[in-house]
Amino acid sequence: MLLLAAIAWGTLSGGLRQIPESRTLGQRVETGVQLACGVLSVLSLLTCFWWRRTRSATLTAWTVSLVTTAFLSSLVWGPPALLVGLGLAALTLLVARAIIWLLRTGLGA
């Protein structure tokens, strides 16, 4: 749960800082997805205690937003690097799956 809370804080605070710096459409889209990831991180934490029926859908949406944020960030902030973006997306997917496994087995409590 602490990892999910840290991701929530990082994505929300980082996304809010990026808003004034977002100049291109890609940067604005990535910032929006990053902010959505932060909100979904908070919602995922809440589904550990309430709204348990929505937990699976919330964690799936969170995973998609986290992977998308990691992928897009390498493309729109700095020189585009497709292979780096794909590598980050793959690594982020593994981390997200590990966090979900910890939450589901109770080790994240």
C-alpha atoms as a PDB file:
ATOM      1  CA  MET A   1       0.000   0.000   0.000  1.00  0.00           C
ATOM      2  CA  LEU A   2       2.910   2.321   0.648  1.00  0.00           C
ATOM      3  CA  LEU A   3       4.152   1.803  -2.905  1.00  0.00           C
ATOM      4  CA  LEU A   4       0.723   2.689  -4.262  1.00  0.00           C
ATOM      5  CA  ALA A   5       0.579   5.767  -2.029  1.00  0.00           C
ATOM      6  CA  ALA A   6       4.040   6.826  -3.209  1.00  0.00           C
ATOM      7  CA  ILE A   7       2.979   6.407  -6.831  1.00  0.00           C
ATOM      8  CA  ALA A   8      -0.170   8.438  -6.145  1.00  0.00           C
ATOM      9  CA  TRP A   9       1.868  11.265  -4.608  1.00  0.00           C
ATOM     10  CA  GLY A  10       4.523  11.196  -7.339  1.00  0.00           C
ATOM     11  CA  THR A  11       2.134  11.134 -10.269  1.00  0.00           C
ATOM     12  CA  LEU A  12      -0.214  13.773  -8.872  1.00  0.00           C
ATOM     13  CA  SER A  13       2.497  16.199  -7.762  1.00  0.00           C
ATOM     14  CA  GLY A  14       4.537  15.634 -10.920  1.00  0.00           C
ATOM     15  CA  GLY A  15       1.504  16.045 -13.147  1.00  0.00           C
ATOM     16  CA  LEU A  16       0.504  19.279 -11.436  1.00  0.00           C
ATOM     17  CA  ARG A  17       4.049  20.635 -11.891  1.00  0.00           C
ATOM     18  CA  GLN A  18       4.004  19.649 -15.569  1.00  0.00           C
ATOM     19  CA  ILE A  19       0.788  21.492 -16.433  1.00  0.00           C
ATOM     20  CA  PRO A  20       2.422  24.893 -17.032  1.00  0.00           C
ATOM     21  CA  GLU A  21       5.344  23.240 -18.859  1.00  0.00           C
ATOM     22  CA  SER A  22       3.158  21.235 -21.271  1.00  0.00           C
ATOM     23  CA  ARG A  23       3.548  22.925 -24.624  1.00  0.00           C
ATOM     24  CA  THR A  24       2.794  20.229 -27.185  1.00  0.00           C
ATOM     25  CA  LEU A  25      -0.312  18.089 -27.570  1.00  0.00           C
ATOM     26  CA  GLY A  26       1.706  15.005 -26.610  1.00  0.00           C
ATOM     27  CA  GLN A  27       2.934  16.650 -23.424  1.00  0.00           C
ATOM     28  CA  ARG A  28      -0.604  17.671 -22.503  1.00  0.00           C
ATOM     29  CA  VAL A  29      -1.906  14.156 -23.142  1.00  0.00           C
ATOM     30  CA  GLU A  30       0.900  12.587 -21.084  1.00  0.00           C
ATOM     31  CA  THR A  31       0.270  15.049 -18.252  1.00  0.00           C
ATOM     32  CA  GLY A  32      -3.452  14.215 -18.303  1.00  0.00           C
ATOM     33  CA  VAL A  33      -2.752  10.485 -18.246  1.00  0.00           C
ATOM     34  CA  GLN A  34      -0.275  11.025 -15.403  1.00  0.00           C
ATOM     35  CA  LEU A  35      -2.873  12.923 -13.372  1.00  0.00           C
ATOM     36  CA  ALA A  36      -5.428  10.194 -14.114  1.00  0.00           C
ATOM     37  CA  CYS A  37      -2.879   7.651 -12.884  1.00  0.00           C
ATOM     38  CA  GLY A  38      -2.579   9.561  -9.626  1.00  0.00           C
ATOM     39  CA  VAL A  39      -6.342   9.616  -9.140  1.00  0.00           C
ATOM     40  CA  LEU A  40      -6.558   5.916 -10.005  1.00  0.00           C
ATOM     41  CA  SER A  41      -3.766   5.204  -7.515  1.00  0.00           C
ATOM     42  CA  VAL A  42      -5.823   6.838  -4.763  1.00  0.00           C
ATOM     43  CA  LEU A  43      -8.949   4.973  -5.896  1.00  0.00           C
ATOM     44  CA  SER A  44      -6.987   1.710  -5.900  1.00  0.00           C
ATOM     45  CA  LEU A  45      -5.958   2.356  -2.313  1.00  0.00           C
ATOM     46  CA  LEU A  46      -9.563   3.047  -1.361  1.00  0.00           C
ATOM     47  CA  THR A  47     -10.715  -0.243  -2.925  1.00  0.00           C
ATOM     48  CA  CYS A  48      -8.527  -2.050  -0.409  1.00  0.00           C
ATOM     49  CA  PHE A  49     -11.064  -0.948   2.223  1.00  0.00           C
ATOM     50  CA  TRP A  50     -14.264   0.100   0.417  1.00  0.00           C
ATOM     51  CA  TRP A  51     -15.906  -0.512  -2.959  1.00  0.00           C
ATOM     52  CA  ARG A  52     -14.224  -3.908  -3.225  1.00  0.00           C
ATOM     53  CA  ARG A  53     -16.400  -4.928  -6.171  1.00  0.00           C
ATOM     54  CA  THR A  54     -14.692  -2.271  -8.283  1.00  0.00           C
ATOM     55  CA  ARG A  55     -11.192  -3.275  -7.194  1.00  0.00           C
ATOM     56  CA  SER A  56     -10.288  -5.379 -10.232  1.00  0.00           C
ATOM     57  CA  ALA A  57     -11.479  -2.776 -12.744  1.00  0.00           C
ATOM     58  CA  THR A  58      -9.779   0.026 -10.827  1.00  0.00           C
ATOM     59  CA  LEU A  59      -6.458  -1.820 -10.665  1.00  0.00           C
ATOM     60  CA  THR A  60      -6.679  -2.626 -14.375  1.00  0.00           C
ATOM     61  CA  ALA A  61      -7.320   1.026 -15.244  1.00  0.00           C
ATOM     62  CA  TRP A  62      -4.489   2.059 -12.913  1.00  0.00           C
ATOM     63  CA  THR A  63      -2.092  -0.376 -14.603  1.00  0.00           C
ATOM     64  CA  VAL A  64      -2.991   0.903 -18.068  1.00  0.00           C
ATOM     65  CA  SER A  65      -2.551   4.534 -16.979  1.00  0.00           C
ATOM     66  CA  LEU A  66       0.782   3.832 -15.268  1.00  0.00           C
ATOM     67  CA  VAL A  67       2.206   1.959 -18.266  1.00  0.00           C
ATOM     68  CA  THR A  68       0.910   4.623 -20.663  1.00  0.00           C
ATOM     69  CA  THR A  69       2.476   7.382 -18.573  1.00  0.00           C
ATOM     70  CA  ALA A  70       5.843   5.615 -18.559  1.00  0.00           C
ATOM     71  CA  PHE A  71       5.703   5.023 -22.317  1.00  0.00           C
ATOM     72  CA  LEU A  72       4.570   8.509 -23.314  1.00  0.00           C
ATOM     73  CA  SER A  73       6.981  10.332 -21.016  1.00  0.00           C
ATOM     74  CA  SER A  74       9.978   9.056 -22.967  1.00  0.00           C
ATOM     75  CA  LEU A  75       8.392  10.134 -26.238  1.00  0.00           C
ATOM     76  CA  VAL A  76       7.150  13.631 -25.445  1.00  0.00           C
ATOM     77  CA  TRP A  77       9.617  15.014 -22.870  1.00  0.00           C
ATOM     78  CA  GLY A  78      12.967  15.284 -24.603  1.00  0.00           C
ATOM     79  CA  PRO A  79      14.173  13.527 -27.723  1.00  0.00           C
ATOM     80  CA  PRO A  80      11.738  10.756 -28.734  1.00  0.00           C
ATOM     81  CA  ALA A  81      13.097   7.329 -27.838  1.00  0.00           C
ATOM     82  CA  LEU A  82      10.709   4.570 -28.910  1.00  0.00           C
ATOM     83  CA  LEU A  83      12.834   1.664 -27.670  1.00  0.00           C
ATOM     84  CA  VAL A  84      13.382   3.346 -24.312  1.00  0.00           C
ATOM     85  CA  GLY A  85       9.624   3.955 -24.078  1.00  0.00           C
ATOM     86  CA  LEU A  86       8.837   0.326 -24.816  1.00  0.00           C
ATOM     87  CA  GLY A  87      11.413  -0.809 -22.252  1.00  0.00           C
ATOM     88  CA  LEU A  88       9.998   1.531 -19.622  1.00  0.00           C
ATOM     89  CA  ALA A  89       6.478   0.347 -20.391  1.00  0.00           C
ATOM     90  CA  ALA A  90       7.485  -3.314 -20.026  1.00  0.00           C
ATOM     91  CA  LEU A  91       9.320  -2.671 -16.757  1.00  0.00           C
ATOM     92  CA  THR A  92       6.427  -0.590 -15.430  1.00  0.00           C
ATOM     93  CA  LEU A  93       3.985  -3.383 -16.273  1.00  0.00           C
ATOM     94  CA  LEU A  94       6.074  -5.819 -14.236  1.00  0.00           C
ATOM     95  CA  VAL A  95       6.190  -3.416 -11.281  1.00  0.00           C
ATOM     96  CA  ALA A  96       2.421  -2.813 -11.474  1.00  0.00           C
ATOM     97  CA  ARG A  97       1.729  -6.547 -11.560  1.00  0.00           C
ATOM     98  CA  ALA A  98       3.998  -7.049  -8.521  1.00  0.00           C
ATOM     99  CA  ILE A  99       2.154  -4.329  -6.593  1.00  0.00           C
ATOM    100  CA  ILE A 100      -1.204  -5.876  -7.501  1.00  0.00           C
ATOM    101  CA  TRP A 101       0.049  -9.295  -6.388  1.00  0.00           C
ATOM    102  CA  LEU A 102       1.162  -7.833  -3.050  1.00  0.00           C
ATOM    103  CA  LEU A 103      -2.230  -6.182  -2.577  1.00  0.00           C
ATOM    104  CA  ARG A 104      -4.142  -9.346  -3.416  1.00  0.00           C
ATOM    105  CA  THR A 105      -2.084 -11.635  -1.190  1.00  0.00           C
ATOM    106  CA  GLY A 106      -2.309  -9.271   1.739  1.00  0.00           C
ATOM    107  CA  LEU A 107       1.410  -8.572   1.883  1.00  0.00           C
ATOM    108  CA  GLY A 108       0.786  -4.957   0.906  1.00  0.00           C
ATOM    109  CA  ALA A 109      -1.183  -4.278   4.096  1.00  0.00           C
END
